[in-house]
Amino acid sequence: MQHGTRTAIGARVAPYFPNSLLEYRLKAGTVMNVASAPFPANGQWYDLSFRCEVDPDATRVVSFAFRVGNPVPRSEWKRRGLPAE
């Protein structure tokens, strides 16, 4: 889901050009809810939350929604394990 998520964010939210995203894997069921998935863009880290639902065979995305949150203050990067760019 990493590449697809990055493409979706870049296409829908013009000011963000994510360098990368952490990889998340569906552990069970068909719905993944991620409350905090920070991503780097333009020299800053931003909070991201998303919900992804796949078909029963996990071969097709049924729905995808996300919200880009506030920038993560630089003072929190180390505590949250975010590398400086």
Foldseek 3Di string as FASTA:
>chain_A
DWVVVQVVCCVPPVVFNFPTWDDDDDPDDFKDWAQFTWTDGPQFIWTKTKMWGAPPVNPGTPDIDMDIHDTDPPVCCVVVVHDGD
